[in-house]
PDB file of all heavy atoms in Angstrom:
ATOM      1  N   CYS A   1     -37.270 -38.659  32.015  1.00  0.00           N
ATOM      2  CA  CYS A   1     -36.741 -39.907  32.591  1.00  0.00           C
ATOM      3  C   CYS A   1     -37.803 -40.992  32.403  1.00  0.00           C
ATOM      4  O   CYS A   1     -38.813 -40.763  31.761  1.00  0.00           O
ATOM      5  CB  CYS A   1     -36.375 -39.733  34.065  1.00  0.00           C
ATOM      6  SG  CYS A   1     -37.797 -39.375  35.127  1.00  0.00           S
ATOM      7  N   THR A   2     -37.602 -42.166  32.987  1.00  0.00           N
ATOM      8  CA  THR A   2     -38.607 -43.224  32.899  1.00  0.00           C
ATOM      9  C   THR A   2     -39.809 -42.869  33.771  1.00  0.00           C
ATOM     10  O   THR A   2     -39.710 -42.115  34.749  1.00  0.00           O
ATOM     11  CB  THR A   2     -38.041 -44.574  33.358  1.00  0.00           C
ATOM     12  OG1 THR A   2     -37.593 -44.463  34.704  1.00  0.00           O
ATOM     13  CG2 THR A   2     -36.910 -45.032  32.453  1.00  0.00           C
ATOM     14  N   ARG A   3     -40.938 -43.454  33.444  1.00  0.00           N
ATOM     15  CA  ARG A   3     -42.168 -43.224  34.213  1.00  0.00           C
ATOM     16  C   ARG A   3     -42.020 -43.749  35.644  1.00  0.00           C
ATOM     17  O   ARG A   3     -42.505 -43.151  36.589  1.00  0.00           O
ATOM     18  CB  ARG A   3     -43.331 -43.916  33.491  1.00  0.00           C
ATOM     19  CG  ARG A   3     -44.698 -43.607  34.111  1.00  0.00           C
ATOM     20  CD  ARG A   3     -45.818 -44.157  33.231  1.00  0.00           C
ATOM     21  NE  ARG A   3     -46.170 -43.249  32.127  1.00  0.00           N
ATOM     22  CZ  ARG A   3     -45.884 -43.449  30.858  1.00  0.00           C
ATOM     23  NH1 ARG A   3     -45.210 -44.535  30.501  1.00  0.00           N
ATOM     24  NH2 ARG A   3     -46.256 -42.578  29.920  1.00  0.00           N
ATOM     25  N   ARG A   4     -41.319 -44.871  35.797  1.00  0.00           N
ATOM     26  CA  ARG A   4     -41.105 -45.433  37.134  1.00  0.00           C
ATOM     27  C   ARG A   4     -40.315 -44.487  38.021  1.00  0.00           C
ATOM     28  O   ARG A   4     -40.652 -44.260  39.196  1.00  0.00           O
ATOM     29  CB  ARG A   4     -40.349 -46.775  37.019  1.00  0.00           C
ATOM     30  CG  ARG A   4     -40.118 -47.503  38.346  1.00  0.00           C
ATOM     31  CD  ARG A   4     -39.026 -48.535  38.214  1.00  0.00           C
ATOM     32  NE  ARG A   4     -37.760 -47.902  37.915  1.00  0.00           N
ATOM     33  CZ  ARG A   4     -36.945 -47.390  38.831  1.00  0.00           C
ATOM     34  NH1 ARG A   4     -37.268 -47.444  40.106  1.00  0.00           N
ATOM     35  NH2 ARG A   4     -35.814 -46.819  38.482  1.00  0.00           N
ATOM     36  N   ALA A   5     -39.260 -43.885  37.477  1.00  0.00           N
ATOM     37  CA  ALA A   5     -38.446 -42.949  38.251  1.00  0.00           C
ATOM     38  C   ALA A   5     -39.241 -41.694  38.600  1.00  0.00           C
ATOM     39  O   ALA A   5     -39.139 -41.167  39.714  1.00  0.00           O
ATOM     40  CB  ALA A   5     -37.178 -42.594  37.473  1.00  0.00           C
ATOM     41  N   ALA A   6     -40.039 -41.220  37.654  1.00  0.00           N
ATOM     42  CA  ALA A   6     -40.856 -40.029  37.899  1.00  0.00           C
ATOM     43  C   ALA A   6     -41.848 -40.270  39.029  1.00  0.00           C
ATOM     44  O   ALA A   6     -42.116 -39.392  39.848  1.00  0.00           O
ATOM     45  CB  ALA A   6     -41.596 -39.615  36.623  1.00  0.00           C
ATOM     46  N   ARG A   7     -42.387 -41.503  39.088  1.00  0.00           N
ATOM     47  CA  ARG A   7     -43.313 -41.857  40.167  1.00  0.00           C
ATOM     48  C   ARG A   7     -42.610 -41.747  41.523  1.00  0.00           C
ATOM     49  O   ARG A   7     -43.159 -41.205  42.485  1.00  0.00           O
ATOM     50  CB  ARG A   7     -43.833 -43.278  39.959  1.00  0.00           C
ATOM     51  CG  ARG A   7     -44.777 -43.793  41.042  1.00  0.00           C
ATOM     52  CD  ARG A   7     -45.313 -45.161  40.626  1.00  0.00           C
ATOM     53  NE  ARG A   7     -46.232 -45.724  41.617  1.00  0.00           N
ATOM     54  CZ  ARG A   7     -45.936 -46.747  42.411  1.00  0.00           C
ATOM     55  NH1 ARG A   7     -44.735 -47.314  42.352  1.00  0.00           N
ATOM     56  NH2 ARG A   7     -46.823 -47.207  43.276  1.00  0.00           N
ATOM     57  N   ASN A   8     -41.371 -42.251  41.597  1.00  0.00           N
ATOM     58  CA  ASN A   8     -40.593 -42.116  42.830  1.00  0.00           C
ATOM     59  C   ASN A   8     -40.373 -40.655  43.203  1.00  0.00           C
ATOM     60  O   ASN A   8     -40.552 -40.249  44.346  1.00  0.00           O
ATOM     61  CB  ASN A   8     -39.236 -42.807  42.681  1.00  0.00           C
ATOM     62  CG  ASN A   8     -39.215 -44.208  43.259  1.00  0.00           C
ATOM     63  OD1 ASN A   8     -39.105 -44.406  44.467  1.00  0.00           O
ATOM     64  ND2 ASN A   8     -39.343 -45.178  42.380  1.00  0.00           N
ATOM     65  N   MET A   9     -40.004 -39.863  42.213  1.00  0.00           N
ATOM     66  CA  MET A   9     -39.700 -38.448  42.460  1.00  0.00           C
ATOM     67  C   MET A   9     -40.906 -37.692  42.987  1.00  0.00           C
ATOM     68  O   MET A   9     -40.775 -36.758  43.804  1.00  0.00           O
ATOM     69  CB  MET A   9     -39.207 -37.791  41.164  1.00  0.00           C
ATOM     70  CG  MET A   9     -37.886 -38.312  40.675  1.00  0.00           C
ATOM     71  SD  MET A   9     -37.438 -37.566  39.068  1.00  0.00           S
ATOM     72  CE  MET A   9     -36.159 -38.688  38.520  1.00  0.00           C
ATOM     73  N   SER A  10     -42.098 -38.099  42.544  1.00  0.00           N
ATOM     74  CA  SER A  10     -43.306 -37.365  42.918  1.00  0.00           C
ATOM     75  C   SER A  10     -43.603 -37.480  44.406  1.00  0.00           C
ATOM     76  O   SER A  10     -44.375 -36.678  44.950  1.00  0.00           O
ATOM     77  CB  SER A  10     -44.508 -37.882  42.105  1.00  0.00           C
ATOM     78  OG  SER A  10     -44.884 -39.181  42.504  1.00  0.00           O
ATOM     79  N   TYR A  11     -43.004 -38.452  45.084  1.00  0.00           N
ATOM     80  CA  TYR A  11     -43.212 -38.609  46.519  1.00  0.00           C
ATOM     81  C   TYR A  11     -42.055 -38.014  47.331  1.00  0.00           C
ATOM     82  O   TYR A  11     -41.985 -38.194  48.544  1.00  0.00           O
ATOM     83  CB  TYR A  11     -43.375 -40.091  46.884  1.00  0.00           C
ATOM     84  CG  TYR A  11     -44.707 -40.657  46.416  1.00  0.00           C
ATOM     85  CD1 TYR A  11     -44.818 -41.263  45.167  1.00  0.00           C
ATOM     86  CD2 TYR A  11     -45.836 -40.542  47.202  1.00  0.00           C
ATOM     87  CE1 TYR A  11     -46.047 -41.763  44.727  1.00  0.00           C
ATOM     88  CE2 TYR A  11     -47.062 -41.031  46.776  1.00  0.00           C
ATOM     89  CZ  TYR A  11     -47.149 -41.644  45.540  1.00  0.00           C
ATOM     90  OH  TYR A  11     -48.375 -42.132  45.110  1.00  0.00           O
ATOM     91  N   GLN A  12     -41.162 -37.286  46.653  1.00  0.00           N
ATOM     92  CA  GLN A  12     -39.994 -36.721  47.320  1.00  0.00           C
ATOM     93  C   GLN A  12     -39.924 -35.206  47.182  1.00  0.00           C
ATOM     94  O   GLN A  12     -38.858 -34.610  47.258  1.00  0.00           O
ATOM     95  CB  GLN A  12     -38.715 -37.373  46.779  1.00  0.00           C
ATOM     96  CG  GLN A  12     -38.671 -38.875  47.034  1.00  0.00           C
ATOM     97  CD  GLN A  12     -37.523 -39.572  46.343  1.00  0.00           C
ATOM     98  OE1 GLN A  12     -36.431 -39.019  46.175  1.00  0.00           O
ATOM     99  NE2 GLN A  12     -37.747 -40.810  45.917  1.00  0.00           N
ATOM    100  N   GLY A  13     -41.092 -34.582  46.942  1.00  0.00           N
ATOM    101  CA  GLY A  13     -41.134 -33.127  46.854  1.00  0.00           C
ATOM    102  C   GLY A  13     -40.582 -32.572  45.565  1.00  0.00           C
ATOM    103  O   GLY A  13     -40.305 -31.369  45.476  1.00  0.00           O
ATOM    104  N   LEU A  14     -40.412 -33.411  44.534  1.00  0.00           N
ATOM    105  CA  LEU A  14     -39.830 -32.944  43.278  1.00  0.00           C
ATOM    106  C   LEU A  14     -40.879 -32.612  42.226  1.00  0.00           C
ATOM    107  O   LEU A  14     -40.541 -32.167  41.133  1.00  0.00           O
ATOM    108  CB  LEU A  14     -38.867 -34.012  42.728  1.00  0.00           C
ATOM    109  CG  LEU A  14     -37.655 -34.296  43.634  1.00  0.00           C
ATOM    110  CD1 LEU A  14     -36.821 -35.452  43.094  1.00  0.00           C
ATOM    111  CD2 LEU A  14     -36.767 -33.049  43.794  1.00  0.00           C
ATOM    112  N   THR A  15     -42.160 -32.850  42.556  1.00  0.00           N
ATOM    113  CA  THR A  15     -43.248 -32.428  41.674  1.00  0.00           C
ATOM    114  C   THR A  15     -44.170 -31.470  42.446  1.00  0.00           C
ATOM    115  O   THR A  15     -44.141 -31.406  43.673  1.00  0.00           O
ATOM    116  CB  THR A  15     -44.068 -33.638  41.176  1.00  0.00           C
ATOM    117  OG1 THR A  15     -44.551 -34.383  42.288  1.00  0.00           O
ATOM    118  CG2 THR A  15     -43.224 -34.533  40.295  1.00  0.00           C
ATOM    119  N   SER A  16     -44.984 -30.730  41.709  1.00  0.00           N
ATOM    120  CA  SER A  16     -45.823 -29.701  42.343  1.00  0.00           C
ATOM    121  C   SER A  16     -46.825 -30.299  43.310  1.00  0.00           C
ATOM    122  O   SER A  16     -47.112 -29.723  44.367  1.00  0.00           O
ATOM    123  CB  SER A  16     -46.557 -28.896  41.257  1.00  0.00           C
ATOM    124  OG  SER A  16     -45.622 -28.272  40.385  1.00  0.00           O
ATOM    125  N   ILE A  17     -47.407 -31.456  42.969  1.00  0.00           N
ATOM    126  CA  ILE A  17     -48.381 -32.108  43.821  1.00  0.00           C
ATOM    127  C   ILE A  17     -47.800 -33.438  44.284  1.00  0.00           C
ATOM    128  O   ILE A  17     -47.345 -34.235  43.470  1.00  0.00           O
ATOM    129  CB  ILE A  17     -49.707 -32.343  43.077  1.00  0.00           C
ATOM    130  CG1 ILE A  17     -50.275 -31.003  42.580  1.00  0.00           C
ATOM    131  CG2 ILE A  17     -50.715 -33.049  43.966  1.00  0.00           C
ATOM    132  CD1 ILE A  17     -51.516 -31.155  41.721  1.00  0.00           C
ATOM    133  N   ASP A  18     -47.814 -33.664  45.592  1.00  0.00           N
ATOM    134  CA  ASP A  18     -47.237 -34.889  46.154  1.00  0.00           C
ATOM    135  C   ASP A  18     -47.939 -36.123  45.599  1.00  0.00           C
ATOM    136  O   ASP A  18     -49.160 -36.253  45.643  1.00  0.00           O
ATOM    137  CB  ASP A  18     -47.361 -34.855  47.682  1.00  0.00           C
ATOM    138  CG  ASP A  18     -46.574 -35.979  48.329  1.00  0.00           C
ATOM    139  OD1 ASP A  18     -45.408 -36.178  47.957  1.00  0.00           O
ATOM    140  OD2 ASP A  18     -47.138 -36.673  49.197  1.00  0.00           O
ATOM    141  N   GLY A  19     -47.152 -37.031  45.043  1.00  0.00           N
ATOM    142  CA  GLY A  19     -47.695 -38.289  44.522  1.00  0.00           C
ATOM    143  C   GLY A  19     -48.288 -38.199  43.129  1.00  0.00           C
ATOM    144  O   GLY A  19     -48.838 -39.174  42.620  1.00  0.00           O
ATOM    145  N   LYS A  20     -48.209 -37.032  42.479  1.00  0.00           N
ATOM    146  CA  LYS A  20     -48.797 -36.884  41.155  1.00  0.00           C
ATOM    147  C   LYS A  20     -47.750 -36.414  40.150  1.00  0.00           C
ATOM    148  O   LYS A  20     -47.001 -35.462  40.412  1.00  0.00           O
ATOM    149  CB  LYS A  20     -49.960 -35.879  41.199  1.00  0.00           C
ATOM    150  CG  LYS A  20     -50.683 -35.731  39.857  1.00  0.00           C
ATOM    151  CD  LYS A  20     -51.872 -34.796  39.948  1.00  0.00           C
ATOM    152  CE  LYS A  20     -52.598 -34.661  38.621  1.00  0.00           C
ATOM    153  NZ  LYS A  20     -53.768 -33.750  38.700  1.00  0.00           N
ATOM    154  N   VAL A  21     -47.701 -37.074  39.009  1.00  0.00           N
ATOM    155  CA  VAL A  21     -46.777 -36.712  37.936  1.00  0.00           C
ATOM    156  C   VAL A  21     -47.572 -36.056  36.817  1.00  0.00           C
ATOM    157  O   VAL A  21     -48.468 -36.675  36.243  1.00  0.00           O
ATOM    158  CB  VAL A  21     -46.019 -37.944  37.391  1.00  0.00           C
ATOM    159  CG1 VAL A  21     -45.111 -37.551  36.233  1.00  0.00           C
ATOM    160  CG2 VAL A  21     -45.214 -38.614  38.499  1.00  0.00           C
ATOM    161  N   GLU A  22     -47.251 -34.802  36.502  1.00  0.00           N
ATOM    162  CA  GLU A  22     -47.934 -34.091  35.423  1.00  0.00           C
ATOM    163  C   GLU A  22     -47.198 -34.366  34.110  1.00  0.00           C
ATOM    164  O   GLU A  22     -46.276 -33.667  33.719  1.00  0.00           O
ATOM    165  CB  GLU A  22     -47.958 -32.589  35.717  1.00  0.00           C
ATOM    166  CG  GLU A  22     -48.780 -31.779  34.728  1.00  0.00           C
ATOM    167  CD  GLU A  22     -48.722 -30.283  35.015  1.00  0.00           C
ATOM    168  OE1 GLU A  22     -48.398 -29.910  36.168  1.00  0.00           O
ATOM    169  OE2 GLU A  22     -49.011 -29.502  34.085  1.00  0.00           O
ATOM    170  N   GLU A  23     -47.616 -35.440  33.427  1.00  0.00           N
ATOM    171  CA  GLU A  23     -46.948 -35.841  32.194  1.00  0.00           C
ATOM    172  C   GLU A  23     -47.298 -34.893  31.052  1.00  0.00           C
ATOM    173  O   GLU A  23     -48.468 -34.572  30.833  1.00  0.00           O
ATOM    174  CB  GLU A  23     -47.351 -37.271  31.806  1.00  0.00           C
ATOM    175  CG  GLU A  23     -46.829 -38.328  32.733  1.00  0.00           C
ATOM    176  CD  GLU A  23     -47.051 -39.740  32.200  1.00  0.00           C
ATOM    177  OE1 GLU A  23     -47.232 -39.883  30.968  1.00  0.00           O
ATOM    178  OE2 GLU A  23     -47.065 -40.684  33.011  1.00  0.00           O
ATOM    179  N   LEU A  24     -46.268 -34.498  30.307  1.00  0.00           N
ATOM    180  CA  LEU A  24     -46.469 -33.607  29.162  1.00  0.00           C
ATOM    181  C   LEU A  24     -46.433 -34.372  27.844  1.00  0.00           C
ATOM    182  O   LEU A  24     -47.197 -34.060  26.924  1.00  0.00           O
ATOM    183  CB  LEU A  24     -45.393 -32.524  29.152  1.00  0.00           C
ATOM    184  CG  LEU A  24     -45.320 -31.668  30.434  1.00  0.00           C
ATOM    185  CD1 LEU A  24     -44.183 -30.662  30.338  1.00  0.00           C
ATOM    186  CD2 LEU A  24     -46.648 -30.934  30.661  1.00  0.00           C
ATOM    187  N   THR A  25     -45.569 -35.356  27.763  1.00  0.00           N
ATOM    188  CA  THR A  25     -45.492 -36.181  26.548  1.00  0.00           C
ATOM    189  C   THR A  25     -44.659 -37.417  26.827  1.00  0.00           C
ATOM    190  O   THR A  25     -44.009 -37.527  27.881  1.00  0.00           O
ATOM    191  CB  THR A  25     -44.909 -35.396  25.361  1.00  0.00           C
ATOM    192  OG1 THR A  25     -45.063 -36.158  24.160  1.00  0.00           O
ATOM    193  CG2 THR A  25     -43.424 -35.101  25.570  1.00  0.00           C
ATOM    194  N   GLU A  26     -44.646 -38.336  25.855  1.00  0.00           N
ATOM    195  CA  GLU A  26     -43.869 -39.563  25.979  1.00  0.00           C
ATOM    196  C   GLU A  26     -42.928 -39.710  24.791  1.00  0.00           C
ATOM    197  O   GLU A  26     -43.286 -39.331  23.651  1.00  0.00           O
ATOM    198  CB  GLU A  26     -44.802 -40.785  26.052  1.00  0.00           C
ATOM    199  CG  GLU A  26     -44.092 -42.115  26.232  1.00  0.00           C
ATOM    200  CD  GLU A  26     -45.044 -43.299  26.188  1.00  0.00           C
ATOM    201  OE1 GLU A  26     -45.460 -43.692  25.066  1.00  0.00           O
ATOM    202  OE2 GLU A  26     -45.372 -43.814  27.267  1.00  0.00           O
ATOM    203  N   PHE A  27     -41.740 -40.232  25.032  1.00  0.00           N
ATOM    204  CA  PHE A  27     -40.762 -40.490  23.975  1.00  0.00           C
ATOM    205  C   PHE A  27     -40.322 -41.946  24.040  1.00  0.00           C
ATOM    206  O   PHE A  27     -40.336 -42.548  25.116  1.00  0.00           O
ATOM    207  CB  PHE A  27     -39.491 -39.652  24.169  1.00  0.00           C
ATOM    208  CG  PHE A  27     -39.694 -38.161  24.189  1.00  0.00           C
ATOM    209  CD1 PHE A  27     -39.857 -37.495  25.405  1.00  0.00           C
ATOM    210  CD2 PHE A  27     -39.671 -37.419  23.010  1.00  0.00           C
ATOM    211  CE1 PHE A  27     -40.011 -36.117  25.443  1.00  0.00           C
ATOM    212  CE2 PHE A  27     -39.840 -36.046  23.050  1.00  0.00           C
ATOM    213  CZ  PHE A  27     -40.005 -35.398  24.257  1.00  0.00           C
ATOM    214  N   THR A  28     -39.903 -42.479  22.915  1.00  0.00           N
ATOM    215  CA  THR A  28     -39.072 -43.689  22.953  1.00  0.00           C
ATOM    216  C   THR A  28     -37.636 -43.200  23.067  1.00  0.00           C
ATOM    217  O   THR A  28     -37.310 -42.067  22.678  1.00  0.00           O
ATOM    218  CB  THR A  28     -39.224 -44.529  21.684  1.00  0.00           C
ATOM    219  OG1 THR A  28     -38.802 -43.744  20.540  1.00  0.00           O
ATOM    220  CG2 THR A  28     -40.659 -44.981  21.494  1.00  0.00           C
ATOM    221  N   GLY A  29     -36.760 -44.042  23.562  1.00  0.00           N
ATOM    222  CA  GLY A  29     -35.369 -43.661  23.657  1.00  0.00           C
ATOM    223  C   GLY A  29     -34.797 -43.274  22.300  1.00  0.00           C
ATOM    224  O   GLY A  29     -33.989 -42.341  22.196  1.00  0.00           O
ATOM    225  N   GLN A  30     -35.235 -43.972  21.255  1.00  0.00           N
ATOM    226  CA  GLN A  30     -34.714 -43.712  19.922  1.00  0.00           C
ATOM    227  C   GLN A  30     -35.022 -42.276  19.464  1.00  0.00           C
ATOM    228  O   GLN A  30     -34.218 -41.654  18.768  1.00  0.00           O
ATOM    229  CB  GLN A  30     -35.282 -44.715  18.916  1.00  0.00           C
ATOM    230  CG  GLN A  30     -34.673 -44.590  17.528  1.00  0.00           C
ATOM    231  CD  GLN A  30     -34.860 -45.840  16.705  1.00  0.00           C
ATOM    232  OE1 GLN A  30     -35.315 -46.857  17.222  1.00  0.00           O
ATOM    233  NE2 GLN A  30     -34.503 -45.788  15.430  1.00  0.00           N
ATOM    234  N   GLU A  31     -36.174 -41.753  19.871  1.00  0.00           N
ATOM    235  CA  GLU A  31     -36.536 -40.388  19.501  1.00  0.00           C
ATOM    236  C   GLU A  31     -35.608 -39.363  20.137  1.00  0.00           C
ATOM    237  O   GLU A  31     -35.502 -38.235  19.652  1.00  0.00           O
ATOM    238  CB  GLU A  31     -37.975 -40.086  19.932  1.00  0.00           C
ATOM    239  CG  GLU A  31     -39.044 -40.838  19.152  1.00  0.00           C
ATOM    240  CD  GLU A  31     -40.435 -40.514  19.648  1.00  0.00           C
ATOM    241  OE1 GLU A  31     -40.838 -41.068  20.693  1.00  0.00           O
ATOM    242  OE2 GLU A  31     -41.122 -39.692  19.001  1.00  0.00           O
ATOM    243  N   LEU A  32     -34.953 -39.742  21.232  1.00  0.00           N
ATOM    244  CA  LEU A  32     -34.096 -38.792  21.966  1.00  0.00           C
ATOM    245  C   LEU A  32     -32.615 -38.971  21.645  1.00  0.00           C
ATOM    246  O   LEU A  32     -31.775 -38.228  22.167  1.00  0.00           O
ATOM    247  CB  LEU A  32     -34.304 -38.968  23.478  1.00  0.00           C
ATOM    248  CG  LEU A  32     -35.720 -38.679  23.997  1.00  0.00           C
ATOM    249  CD1 LEU A  32     -35.839 -39.107  25.452  1.00  0.00           C
ATOM    250  CD2 LEU A  32     -36.037 -37.184  23.850  1.00  0.00           C
ATOM    251  N   LEU A  33     -32.261 -39.946  20.795  1.00  0.00           N
ATOM    252  CA  LEU A  33     -30.854 -40.174  20.464  1.00  0.00           C
ATOM    253  C   LEU A  33     -30.328 -39.050  19.565  1.00  0.00           C
ATOM    254  O   LEU A  33     -31.047 -38.510  18.727  1.00  0.00           O
ATOM    255  CB  LEU A  33     -30.699 -41.517  19.764  1.00  0.00           C
ATOM    256  CG  LEU A  33     -30.971 -42.753  20.640  1.00  0.00           C
ATOM    257  CD1 LEU A  33     -30.837 -44.032  19.813  1.00  0.00           C
ATOM    258  CD2 LEU A  33     -30.042 -42.798  21.841  1.00  0.00           C
ATOM    259  N   GLY A  34     -29.074 -38.708  19.763  1.00  0.00           N
ATOM    260  CA  GLY A  34     -28.428 -37.668  18.977  1.00  0.00           C
ATOM    261  C   GLY A  34     -28.667 -36.259  19.503  1.00  0.00           C
ATOM    262  O   GLY A  34     -28.233 -35.289  18.875  1.00  0.00           O
ATOM    263  N   LEU A  35     -29.356 -36.128  20.649  1.00  0.00           N
ATOM    264  CA  LEU A  35     -29.595 -34.790  21.216  1.00  0.00           C
ATOM    265  C   LEU A  35     -28.281 -34.172  21.714  1.00  0.00           C
ATOM    266  O   LEU A  35     -27.402 -34.868  22.219  1.00  0.00           O
ATOM    267  CB  LEU A  35     -30.554 -34.861  22.401  1.00  0.00           C
ATOM    268  CG  LEU A  35     -32.041 -35.119  22.138  1.00  0.00           C
ATOM    269  CD1 LEU A  35     -32.783 -35.111  23.461  1.00  0.00           C
ATOM    270  CD2 LEU A  35     -32.603 -34.056  21.206  1.00  0.00           C
ATOM    271  N   GLN A  36     -28.201 -32.859  21.580  1.00  0.00           N
ATOM    272  CA  GLN A  36     -27.071 -32.129  22.154  1.00  0.00           C
ATOM    273  C   GLN A  36     -27.457 -31.700  23.572  1.00  0.00           C
ATOM    274  O   GLN A  36     -28.509 -31.105  23.792  1.00  0.00           O
ATOM    275  CB  GLN A  36     -26.734 -30.910  21.311  1.00  0.00           C
ATOM    276  CG  GLN A  36     -26.180 -31.221  19.938  1.00  0.00           C
ATOM    277  CD  GLN A  36     -25.752 -29.966  19.191  1.00  0.00           C
ATOM    278  OE1 GLN A  36     -25.985 -28.845  19.651  1.00  0.00           O
ATOM    279  NE2 GLN A  36     -25.120 -30.147  18.040  1.00  0.00           N
ATOM    280  N   LEU A  37     -26.566 -32.005  24.521  1.00  0.00           N
ATOM    281  CA  LEU A  37     -26.805 -31.677  25.933  1.00  0.00           C
ATOM    282  C   LEU A  37     -25.669 -30.855  26.487  1.00  0.00           C
ATOM    283  O   LEU A  37     -24.514 -30.972  26.052  1.00  0.00           O
ATOM    284  CB  LEU A  37     -26.936 -32.963  26.766  1.00  0.00           C
ATOM    285  CG  LEU A  37     -27.936 -34.020  26.302  1.00  0.00           C
ATOM    286  CD1 LEU A  37     -27.807 -35.274  27.162  1.00  0.00           C
ATOM    287  CD2 LEU A  37     -29.371 -33.481  26.361  1.00  0.00           C
ATOM    288  N   SER A  38     -25.996 -30.048  27.482  1.00  0.00           N
ATOM    289  CA  SER A  38     -24.998 -29.348  28.263  1.00  0.00           C
ATOM    290  C   SER A  38     -24.937 -30.024  29.615  1.00  0.00           C
ATOM    291  O   SER A  38     -25.939 -30.050  30.358  1.00  0.00           O
ATOM    292  CB  SER A  38     -25.365 -27.871  28.427  1.00  0.00           C
ATOM    293  OG  SER A  38     -24.466 -27.235  29.314  1.00  0.00           O
ATOM    294  N   ALA A  39     -23.779 -30.629  29.960  1.00  0.00           N
ATOM    295  CA  ALA A  39     -23.634 -31.416  31.187  1.00  0.00           C
ATOM    296  C   ALA A  39     -22.796 -30.662  32.204  1.00  0.00           C
ATOM    297  O   ALA A  39     -21.786 -30.031  31.828  1.00  0.00           O
ATOM    298  CB  ALA A  39     -23.011 -32.765  30.862  1.00  0.00           C
ATOM    299  N   PRO A  40     -23.164 -30.713  33.474  1.00  0.00           N
ATOM    300  CA  PRO A  40     -22.391 -29.997  34.489  1.00  0.00           C
ATOM    301  C   PRO A  40     -21.004 -30.592  34.720  1.00  0.00           C
ATOM    302  O   PRO A  40     -20.802 -31.789  34.567  1.00  0.00           O
ATOM    303  CB  PRO A  40     -23.255 -30.124  35.746  1.00  0.00           C
ATOM    304  CG  PRO A  40     -24.093 -31.333  35.512  1.00  0.00           C
ATOM    305  CD  PRO A  40     -24.332 -31.386  34.038  1.00  0.00           C
ATOM    306  N   LEU A  41     -20.049 -29.722  35.038  1.00  0.00           N
ATOM    307  CA  LEU A  41     -18.673 -30.044  35.443  1.00  0.00           C
ATOM    308  C   LEU A  41     -17.737 -30.461  34.313  1.00  0.00           C
ATOM    309  O   LEU A  41     -16.544 -30.155  34.336  1.00  0.00           O
ATOM    310  CB  LEU A  41     -18.653 -31.118  36.528  1.00  0.00           C
ATOM    311  CG  LEU A  41     -19.377 -30.799  37.851  1.00  0.00           C
ATOM    312  CD1 LEU A  41     -19.120 -31.894  38.880  1.00  0.00           C
ATOM    313  CD2 LEU A  41     -18.984 -29.455  38.409  1.00  0.00           C
ATOM    314  N   THR A  42     -18.217 -31.178  33.294  1.00  0.00           N
ATOM    315  CA  THR A  42     -17.320 -31.653  32.256  1.00  0.00           C
ATOM    316  C   THR A  42     -16.751 -30.501  31.425  1.00  0.00           C
ATOM    317  O   THR A  42     -17.377 -29.459  31.260  1.00  0.00           O
ATOM    318  CB  THR A  42     -18.045 -32.638  31.316  1.00  0.00           C
ATOM    319  OG1 THR A  42     -17.156 -33.078  30.297  1.00  0.00           O
ATOM    320  CG2 THR A  42     -19.256 -31.998  30.639  1.00  0.00           C
ATOM    321  N   SER A  43     -15.562 -30.744  30.868  1.00  0.00           N
ATOM    322  CA  SER A  43     -14.910 -29.731  29.999  1.00  0.00           C
ATOM    323  C   SER A  43     -15.483 -29.762  28.592  1.00  0.00           C
ATOM    324  O   SER A  43     -15.223 -28.839  27.795  1.00  0.00           O
ATOM    325  CB  SER A  43     -13.402 -29.995  29.955  1.00  0.00           C
ATOM    326  OG  SER A  43     -13.137 -31.304  29.489  1.00  0.00           O
ATOM    327  N   ASN A  44     -16.279 -30.781  28.261  1.00  0.00           N
ATOM    328  CA  ASN A  44     -16.943 -30.832  26.955  1.00  0.00           C
ATOM    329  C   ASN A  44     -18.156 -29.894  26.949  1.00  0.00           C
ATOM    330  O   ASN A  44     -19.062 -30.032  27.769  1.00  0.00           O
ATOM    331  CB  ASN A  44     -17.422 -32.264  26.635  1.00  0.00           C
ATOM    332  CG  ASN A  44     -16.264 -33.187  26.297  1.00  0.00           C
ATOM    333  OD1 ASN A  44     -15.336 -32.800  25.600  1.00  0.00           O
ATOM    334  ND2 ASN A  44     -16.328 -34.414  26.788  1.00  0.00           N
TER     335      ASN A  44
END
């Protein structure tokens, strides 16, 4: 997700250390276009 959103999540118990985001890598949106995803609930 975006870095801003990850920062928010880190203060809500969604990361291992409160307030810290363990970044693994960075993408531009263009690098992620065309990905195949499995989405919950949809029939696709």
